[in-house]
Amino acid sequence: MAVDTTTSSCSAALLMGGELITQCQIAERDHTQLILPMVDTLLGKGGLKLSQISVIAFTSGPGSFTGIRVGFGIVQGLAFGADLPVLPVSTLETLAYTAIRKLKIQTDAHIIPMLDARMHEIYWAQFNYNSTNLTRVNADCVSPPEALNTVLKYPSVIIGDGLNYSDRLPEASLDSCHDGLLPEAQDIFKIACPLIEKGEVIDIQEASPVYLRNQITWKKHKKLRQVK
């Protein structure tokens, strides 16, 4: 099973052999009310009990602070309750695979998933796609949009709601920009399945959410709000 609540999209997916069952909905702040019913619906359609699931793969971040906490808490409960291993994956890498699938990218491409990190910053990463394999160029990071000046030197496919800051992005020749694309749980399997085959699943106690921002940044933000 795969779960994603790290953006304004809320989704879950179940992979049984070659059969894929999915649930996805734009949720804004309703993830808590939606994700468990989605899981129940998937199990019902698959005729399975939670204990029959082999692994729960989930996006651990970066993304919405609240969304990450909701998803991680749900996965904790499911994994503890049914004694299941888990596999955390990157939200940005999942978004890159969502783009490949939904945009039907079949040729070589430089893909930059980009999410709104608030506080006038973006979460982003770079990937090269050679029509078969997706290769990571750099680690997930958080920075002002202007930091992409050193990245956008050739045509790129830019995806995600980080394009809300398009007026602050450097001028560059772009193949395409898609601000409406958000990660979907079914694309987690592209990352998770090869890792599961290698036995790289972990106990939920070993997993942790990925916020990228350090505590100092959040404390500064909190103080600013208190001053206002």
C-alpha atoms as a PDB file:
ATOM      1  CA  MET A   1       0.000   0.000   0.000  1.00  0.00           C
ATOM      2  CA  ALA A   2       1.104   3.572  -0.699  1.00  0.00           C
ATOM      3  CA  VAL A   3      -0.012   6.763   1.066  1.00  0.00           C
ATOM      4  CA  ASP A   4       0.603  10.442   0.318  1.00  0.00           C
ATOM      5  CA  THR A   5      -0.698  13.452   2.262  1.00  0.00           C
ATOM      6  CA  THR A   6       2.265  15.813   1.891  1.00  0.00           C
ATOM      7  CA  THR A   7       0.586  18.367  -0.401  1.00  0.00           C
ATOM      8  CA  SER A   8      -2.955  19.606  -0.997  1.00  0.00           C
ATOM      9  CA  SER A   9      -3.518  16.311  -2.807  1.00  0.00           C
ATOM     10  CA  CYS A  10      -4.503  13.330  -0.638  1.00  0.00           C
ATOM     11  CA  SER A  11      -4.111   9.868  -2.117  1.00  0.00           C
ATOM     12  CA  ALA A  12      -3.671   6.181  -1.411  1.00  0.00           C
ATOM     13  CA  ALA A  13      -3.013   3.205  -3.676  1.00  0.00           C
ATOM     14  CA  LEU A  14      -2.980  -0.567  -3.425  1.00  0.00           C
ATOM     15  CA  LEU A  15      -0.843  -2.810  -5.614  1.00  0.00           C
ATOM     16  CA  MET A  16      -1.803  -6.484  -5.739  1.00  0.00           C
ATOM     17  CA  GLY A  17       0.333  -8.329  -8.237  1.00  0.00           C
ATOM     18  CA  GLY A  18      -0.356  -6.484 -11.458  1.00  0.00           C
ATOM     19  CA  GLU A  19      -3.598  -4.883 -10.264  1.00  0.00           C
ATOM     20  CA  LEU A  20      -3.528  -1.249  -9.156  1.00  0.00           C
ATOM     21  CA  ILE A  21      -6.373   0.358  -7.178  1.00  0.00           C
ATOM     22  CA  THR A  22      -6.168   4.078  -6.412  1.00  0.00           C
ATOM     23  CA  GLN A  23      -7.942   6.846  -4.522  1.00  0.00           C
ATOM     24  CA  CYS A  24      -7.027  10.525  -4.968  1.00  0.00           C
ATOM     25  CA  GLN A  25      -8.645  13.818  -4.019  1.00  0.00           C
ATOM     26  CA  ILE A  26      -7.589  17.444  -3.666  1.00  0.00           C
ATOM     27  CA  ALA A  27      -8.008  17.940   0.052  1.00  0.00           C
ATOM     28  CA  GLU A  28      -6.472  21.224   1.188  1.00  0.00           C
ATOM     29  CA  ARG A  29      -6.911  20.710   4.972  1.00  0.00           C
ATOM     30  CA  ASP A  30      -9.119  17.600   4.970  1.00  0.00           C
ATOM     31  CA  HIS A  31      -6.419  14.923   4.888  1.00  0.00           C
ATOM     32  CA  THR A  32      -7.283  13.684   8.380  1.00  0.00           C
ATOM     33  CA  GLN A  33     -10.891  13.006   7.365  1.00  0.00           C
ATOM     34  CA  LEU A  34     -10.029  11.486   3.987  1.00  0.00           C
ATOM     35  CA  ILE A  35      -7.008   9.235   4.237  1.00  0.00           C
ATOM     36  CA  LEU A  36      -8.333   6.458   6.503  1.00  0.00           C
ATOM     37  CA  PRO A  37     -11.602   6.074   4.524  1.00  0.00           C
ATOM     38  CA  MET A  38      -9.428   5.873   1.386  1.00  0.00           C
ATOM     39  CA  VAL A  39      -7.398   3.057   2.955  1.00  0.00           C
ATOM     40  CA  ASP A  40     -10.580   1.232   3.979  1.00  0.00           C
ATOM     41  CA  THR A  41     -12.006   1.618   0.464  1.00  0.00           C
ATOM     42  CA  LEU A  42      -8.856   0.171  -1.098  1.00  0.00           C
ATOM     43  CA  LEU A  43      -8.810  -2.787   1.274  1.00  0.00           C
ATOM     44  CA  GLY A  44     -12.496  -3.394   0.583  1.00  0.00           C
ATOM     45  CA  LYS A  45     -12.026  -3.323  -3.186  1.00  0.00           C
ATOM     46  CA  GLY A  46      -9.030  -5.623  -2.879  1.00  0.00           C
ATOM     47  CA  GLY A  47     -10.825  -8.006  -0.527  1.00  0.00           C
ATOM     48  CA  LEU A  48      -7.966  -7.717   1.960  1.00  0.00           C
ATOM     49  CA  LYS A  49      -7.410  -7.105   5.645  1.00  0.00           C
ATOM     50  CA  LEU A  50      -4.733  -4.620   6.676  1.00  0.00           C
ATOM     51  CA  SER A  51      -2.685  -7.479   8.152  1.00  0.00           C
ATOM     52  CA  GLN A  52      -2.434  -9.008   4.656  1.00  0.00           C
ATOM     53  CA  ILE A  53      -0.544  -5.981   3.316  1.00  0.00           C
ATOM     54  CA  SER A  54       3.183  -6.653   2.969  1.00  0.00           C
ATOM     55  CA  VAL A  55       4.529  -3.070   3.155  1.00  0.00           C
ATOM     56  CA  ILE A  56       3.227   0.465   3.579  1.00  0.00           C
ATOM     57  CA  ALA A  57       5.214   2.915   1.435  1.00  0.00           C
ATOM     58  CA  PHE A  58       4.627   6.600   2.046  1.00  0.00           C
ATOM     59  CA  THR A  59       5.919  10.062   1.196  1.00  0.00           C
ATOM     60  CA  SER A  60       7.841  11.317   4.227  1.00  0.00           C
ATOM     61  CA  GLY A  61       8.422  14.825   2.826  1.00  0.00           C
ATOM     62  CA  PRO A  62       9.278  17.480   2.011  1.00  0.00           C
ATOM     63  CA  GLY A  63       5.923  19.181   1.742  1.00  0.00           C
ATOM     64  CA  SER A  64       3.204  20.710   3.880  1.00  0.00           C
ATOM     65  CA  PHE A  65       4.258  20.646   7.532  1.00  0.00           C
ATOM     66  CA  THR A  66       0.769  19.609   8.628  1.00  0.00           C
ATOM     67  CA  GLY A  67       0.325  17.155   5.760  1.00  0.00           C
ATOM     68  CA  ILE A  68       3.575  15.385   6.581  1.00  0.00           C
ATOM     69  CA  ARG A  69       2.577  15.027  10.230  1.00  0.00           C
ATOM     70  CA  VAL A  70      -0.887  13.710   9.320  1.00  0.00           C
ATOM     71  CA  GLY A  71       0.490  11.126   6.906  1.00  0.00           C
ATOM     72  CA  PHE A  72       3.236  10.004   9.239  1.00  0.00           C
ATOM     73  CA  GLY A  73       0.795   9.663  12.116  1.00  0.00           C
ATOM     74  CA  ILE A  74      -1.614   7.600  10.008  1.00  0.00           C
ATOM     75  CA  VAL A  75       1.159   5.321   8.766  1.00  0.00           C
ATOM     76  CA  GLN A  76       2.433   4.913  12.336  1.00  0.00           C
ATOM     77  CA  GLY A  77      -0.994   3.792  13.479  1.00  0.00           C
ATOM     78  CA  LEU A  78      -1.483   1.382  10.586  1.00  0.00           C
ATOM     79  CA  ALA A  79       2.008  -0.095  10.830  1.00  0.00           C
ATOM     80  CA  PHE A  80       1.916  -0.519  14.616  1.00  0.00           C
ATOM     81  CA  GLY A  81      -1.596  -1.937  14.561  1.00  0.00           C
ATOM     82  CA  ALA A  82      -0.892  -4.577  11.923  1.00  0.00           C
ATOM     83  CA  ASP A  83       2.845  -5.052  12.635  1.00  0.00           C
ATOM     84  CA  LEU A  84       3.836  -3.980   9.106  1.00  0.00           C
ATOM     85  CA  PRO A  85       7.174  -2.728   7.772  1.00  0.00           C
ATOM     86  CA  VAL A  86       7.273   0.647   6.042  1.00  0.00           C
ATOM     87  CA  LEU A  87       9.237   2.410   3.334  1.00  0.00           C
ATOM     88  CA  PRO A  88       9.490   6.228   3.358  1.00  0.00           C
ATOM     89  CA  VAL A  89      10.182   7.917   0.013  1.00  0.00           C
ATOM     90  CA  SER A  90      10.725  11.474  -1.235  1.00  0.00           C
ATOM     91  CA  THR A  91       7.680  13.559  -2.120  1.00  0.00           C
ATOM     92  CA  LEU A  92       9.661  15.337  -4.850  1.00  0.00           C
ATOM     93  CA  GLU A  93      10.811  12.101  -6.474  1.00  0.00           C
ATOM     94  CA  THR A  94       7.239  10.820  -6.367  1.00  0.00           C
ATOM     95  CA  LEU A  95       6.106  14.030  -8.080  1.00  0.00           C
ATOM     96  CA  ALA A  96       8.706  13.493 -10.800  1.00  0.00           C
ATOM     97  CA  TYR A  97       7.212  10.059 -11.532  1.00  0.00           C
ATOM     98  CA  THR A  98       3.695  11.515 -11.445  1.00  0.00           C
ATOM     99  CA  ALA A  99       4.797  13.990 -14.115  1.00  0.00           C
ATOM    100  CA  ILE A 100       6.322  11.269 -16.291  1.00  0.00           C
ATOM    101  CA  ARG A 101       3.065   9.312 -16.158  1.00  0.00           C
ATOM    102  CA  LYS A 102       0.533  12.127 -16.521  1.00  0.00           C
ATOM    103  CA  LEU A 103       2.482  14.181 -19.064  1.00  0.00           C
ATOM    104  CA  LYS A 104       3.406  11.019 -20.968  1.00  0.00           C
ATOM    105  CA  ILE A 105       7.089  11.983 -21.077  1.00  0.00           C
ATOM    106  CA  GLN A 106       8.781   9.524 -23.416  1.00  0.00           C
ATOM    107  CA  THR A 107      11.924  11.373 -24.452  1.00  0.00           C
ATOM    108  CA  ASP A 108      14.996  12.456 -22.505  1.00  0.00           C
ATOM    109  CA  ALA A 109      14.073  15.229 -20.083  1.00  0.00           C
ATOM    110  CA  HIS A 110      15.420  17.326 -17.229  1.00  0.00           C
ATOM    111  CA  ILE A 111      12.675  17.319 -14.594  1.00  0.00           C
ATOM    112  CA  ILE A 112      12.456  19.751 -11.667  1.00  0.00           C
ATOM    113  CA  PRO A 113       9.650  19.047  -9.179  1.00  0.00           C
ATOM    114  CA  MET A 114       9.023  22.146  -7.101  1.00  0.00           C
ATOM    115  CA  LEU A 115       6.691  22.611  -4.125  1.00  0.00           C
ATOM    116  CA  ASP A 116       5.644  25.761  -2.294  1.00  0.00           C
ATOM    117  CA  ALA A 117       7.533  25.740   1.025  1.00  0.00           C
ATOM    118  CA  ARG A 118       5.847  28.938   2.253  1.00  0.00           C
ATOM    119  CA  MET A 119       7.975  31.654   3.864  1.00  0.00           C
ATOM    120  CA  HIS A 120       8.888  32.742   0.289  1.00  0.00           C
ATOM    121  CA  GLU A 121      10.813  29.525  -0.390  1.00  0.00           C
ATOM    122  CA  ILE A 122      10.439  26.342  -2.430  1.00  0.00           C
ATOM    123  CA  TYR A 123      11.271  22.666  -1.990  1.00  0.00           C
ATOM    124  CA  TRP A 124      12.918  21.340  -5.141  1.00  0.00           C
ATOM    125  CA  ALA A 125      15.196  18.726  -6.674  1.00  0.00           C
ATOM    126  CA  GLN A 126      16.531  17.856 -10.111  1.00  0.00           C
ATOM    127  CA  PHE A 127      16.166  14.580 -12.006  1.00  0.00           C
ATOM    128  CA  ASN A 128      17.297  13.377 -15.411  1.00  0.00           C
ATOM    129  CA  TYR A 129      14.969  11.036 -17.284  1.00  0.00           C
ATOM    130  CA  ASN A 130      16.295   9.026 -20.210  1.00  0.00           C
ATOM    131  CA  SER A 131      12.995   7.539 -21.388  1.00  0.00           C
ATOM    132  CA  THR A 132      13.498   4.537 -19.098  1.00  0.00           C
ATOM    133  CA  ASN A 133      15.229   5.494 -15.871  1.00  0.00           C
ATOM    134  CA  LEU A 134      14.921   8.473 -13.545  1.00  0.00           C
ATOM    135  CA  THR A 135      18.242   9.609 -12.085  1.00  0.00           C
ATOM    136  CA  ARG A 136      18.545  12.031  -9.201  1.00  0.00           C
ATOM    137  CA  VAL A 137      20.899  14.979  -9.777  1.00  0.00           C
ATOM    138  CA  ASN A 138      20.794  16.571  -6.316  1.00  0.00           C
ATOM    139  CA  ALA A 139      19.289  16.007  -2.888  1.00  0.00           C
ATOM    140  CA  ASP A 140      15.921  17.489  -1.941  1.00  0.00           C
ATOM    141  CA  CYS A 141      16.478  21.030  -0.730  1.00  0.00           C
ATOM    142  CA  VAL A 142      14.713  24.199   0.374  1.00  0.00           C
ATOM    143  CA  SER A 143      15.744  27.638  -0.863  1.00  0.00           C
ATOM    144  CA  PRO A 144      14.455  30.915  -2.324  1.00  0.00           C
ATOM    145  CA  PRO A 145      13.243  30.498  -5.928  1.00  0.00           C
ATOM    146  CA  GLU A 146      16.136  32.643  -7.143  1.00  0.00           C
ATOM    147  CA  ALA A 147      18.534  29.818  -6.218  1.00  0.00           C
ATOM    148  CA  LEU A 148      17.494  28.080  -9.435  1.00  0.00           C
ATOM    149  CA  ASN A 149      19.564  30.613 -11.401  1.00  0.00           C
ATOM    150  CA  THR A 150      22.397  28.098 -11.425  1.00  0.00           C
ATOM    151  CA  VAL A 151      20.120  25.205 -12.375  1.00  0.00           C
ATOM    152  CA  LEU A 152      17.891  26.349 -15.225  1.00  0.00           C
ATOM    153  CA  LYS A 153      20.564  26.511 -17.885  1.00  0.00           C
ATOM    154  CA  TYR A 154      18.805  24.303 -20.398  1.00  0.00           C
ATOM    155  CA  PRO A 155      15.238  23.235 -21.219  1.00  0.00           C
ATOM    156  CA  SER A 156      13.504  21.699 -18.222  1.00  0.00           C
ATOM    157  CA  VAL A 157      10.110  20.349 -17.288  1.00  0.00           C
ATOM    158  CA  ILE A 158       9.088  22.210 -14.123  1.00  0.00           C
ATOM    159  CA  ILE A 159       6.171  20.839 -12.118  1.00  0.00           C
ATOM    160  CA  GLY A 160       4.374  21.527  -8.856  1.00  0.00           C
ATOM    161  CA  ASP A 161       2.806  24.378  -6.925  1.00  0.00           C
ATOM    162  CA  GLY A 162       6.229  25.955  -6.354  1.00  0.00           C
ATOM    163  CA  LEU A 163       5.460  27.669  -9.648  1.00  0.00           C
ATOM    164  CA  ASN A 164       3.346  30.035  -7.541  1.00  0.00           C
ATOM    165  CA  TYR A 165       6.644  31.932  -7.379  1.00  0.00           C
ATOM    166  CA  SER A 166       7.082  32.035 -11.152  1.00  0.00           C
ATOM    167  CA  ASP A 167       7.656  35.781 -11.019  1.00  0.00           C
ATOM    168  CA  ARG A 168      10.763  35.128  -8.919  1.00  0.00           C
ATOM    169  CA  LEU A 169      12.143  32.265 -10.969  1.00  0.00           C
ATOM    170  CA  PRO A 170      15.085  32.995 -13.261  1.00  0.00           C
ATOM    171  CA  GLU A 171      14.468  33.516 -16.934  1.00  0.00           C
ATOM    172  CA  ALA A 172      15.257  30.319 -18.790  1.00  0.00           C
ATOM    173  CA  SER A 173      14.202  28.343 -21.826  1.00  0.00           C
ATOM    174  CA  LEU A 174      11.661  25.833 -20.502  1.00  0.00           C
ATOM    175  CA  ASP A 175      10.067  22.880 -22.214  1.00  0.00           C
ATOM    176  CA  SER A 176       7.013  23.175 -20.037  1.00  0.00           C
ATOM    177  CA  CYS A 177       5.659  24.345 -16.695  1.00  0.00           C
ATOM    178  CA  HIS A 178       2.830  22.535 -14.923  1.00  0.00           C
ATOM    179  CA  ASP A 179       1.773  24.135 -11.651  1.00  0.00           C
ATOM    180  CA  GLY A 180      -1.328  21.962 -11.333  1.00  0.00           C
ATOM    181  CA  LEU A 181       0.554  18.693 -10.978  1.00  0.00           C
ATOM    182  CA  LEU A 182       0.915  17.239  -7.484  1.00  0.00           C
ATOM    183  CA  PRO A 183       2.253  13.854  -6.332  1.00  0.00           C
ATOM    184  CA  GLU A 184      -0.055  10.835  -6.335  1.00  0.00           C
ATOM    185  CA  ALA A 185       0.353   7.720  -4.197  1.00  0.00           C
ATOM    186  CA  GLN A 186       0.328   5.287  -7.112  1.00  0.00           C
ATOM    187  CA  ASP A 187       3.619   6.737  -8.318  1.00  0.00           C
ATOM    188  CA  ILE A 188       5.273   5.864  -5.008  1.00  0.00           C
ATOM    189  CA  PHE A 189       5.421   2.287  -6.293  1.00  0.00           C
ATOM    190  CA  LYS A 190       7.915   3.310  -8.998  1.00  0.00           C
ATOM    191  CA  ILE A 191      10.357   4.125  -6.217  1.00  0.00           C
ATOM    192  CA  ALA A 192       9.271   1.573  -3.635  1.00  0.00           C
ATOM    193  CA  CYS A 193       9.003  -1.668  -5.602  1.00  0.00           C
ATOM    194  CA  PRO A 194      12.723  -1.962  -6.521  1.00  0.00           C
ATOM    195  CA  LEU A 195      13.683  -1.083  -2.918  1.00  0.00           C
ATOM    196  CA  ILE A 196      11.230  -3.612  -1.483  1.00  0.00           C
ATOM    197  CA  GLU A 197      12.740  -6.314  -3.713  1.00  0.00           C
ATOM    198  CA  LYS A 198      16.142  -5.435  -2.227  1.00  0.00           C
ATOM    199  CA  GLY A 199      14.752  -5.818   1.281  1.00  0.00           C
ATOM    200  CA  GLU A 200      15.184  -2.154   2.173  1.00  0.00           C
ATOM    201  CA  VAL A 201      11.988  -1.834   4.199  1.00  0.00           C
ATOM    202  CA  ILE A 202      12.271  -0.633   7.804  1.00  0.00           C
ATOM    203  CA  ASP A 203      10.389  -0.742  11.081  1.00  0.00           C
ATOM    204  CA  ILE A 204       8.127   2.255  11.668  1.00  0.00           C
ATOM    205  CA  GLN A 205      10.232   3.109  14.736  1.00  0.00           C
ATOM    206  CA  GLU A 206      13.179   3.739  12.398  1.00  0.00           C
ATOM    207  CA  ALA A 207      11.209   6.060  10.116  1.00  0.00           C
ATOM    208  CA  SER A 208      10.959   9.817  10.536  1.00  0.00           C
ATOM    209  CA  PRO A 209       9.302  12.707   8.680  1.00  0.00           C
ATOM    210  CA  VAL A 210      11.426  14.941   6.448  1.00  0.00           C
ATOM    211  CA  TYR A 211      10.789  18.654   6.954  1.00  0.00           C
ATOM    212  CA  LEU A 212      14.104  20.002   5.528  1.00  0.00           C
ATOM    213  CA  ARG A 213      13.759  23.217   7.492  1.00  0.00           C
ATOM    214  CA  ASN A 214      15.686  23.162  10.747  1.00  0.00           C
ATOM    215  CA  GLN A 215      14.139  24.056  14.087  1.00  0.00           C
ATOM    216  CA  ILE A 216      15.775  27.494  14.116  1.00  0.00           C
ATOM    217  CA  THR A 217      13.852  28.527  11.015  1.00  0.00           C
ATOM    218  CA  TRP A 218      10.552  27.399  12.505  1.00  0.00           C
ATOM    219  CA  LYS A 219      11.264  29.177  15.794  1.00  0.00           C
ATOM    220  CA  LYS A 220      12.005  32.417  13.946  1.00  0.00           C
ATOM    221  CA  HIS A 221       8.763  32.057  12.007  1.00  0.00           C
ATOM    222  CA  LYS A 222       6.847  31.408  15.235  1.00  0.00           C
ATOM    223  CA  LYS A 223       8.347  34.509  16.877  1.00  0.00           C
ATOM    224  CA  LEU A 224       7.408  36.647  13.882  1.00  0.00           C
ATOM    225  CA  ARG A 225       3.802  35.494  14.127  1.00  0.00           C
ATOM    226  CA  GLN A 226       3.737  36.209  17.858  1.00  0.00           C
ATOM    227  CA  VAL A 227       5.051  39.727  17.270  1.00  0.00           C
ATOM    228  CA  LYS A 228       2.299  40.397  14.738  1.00  0.00           C
END
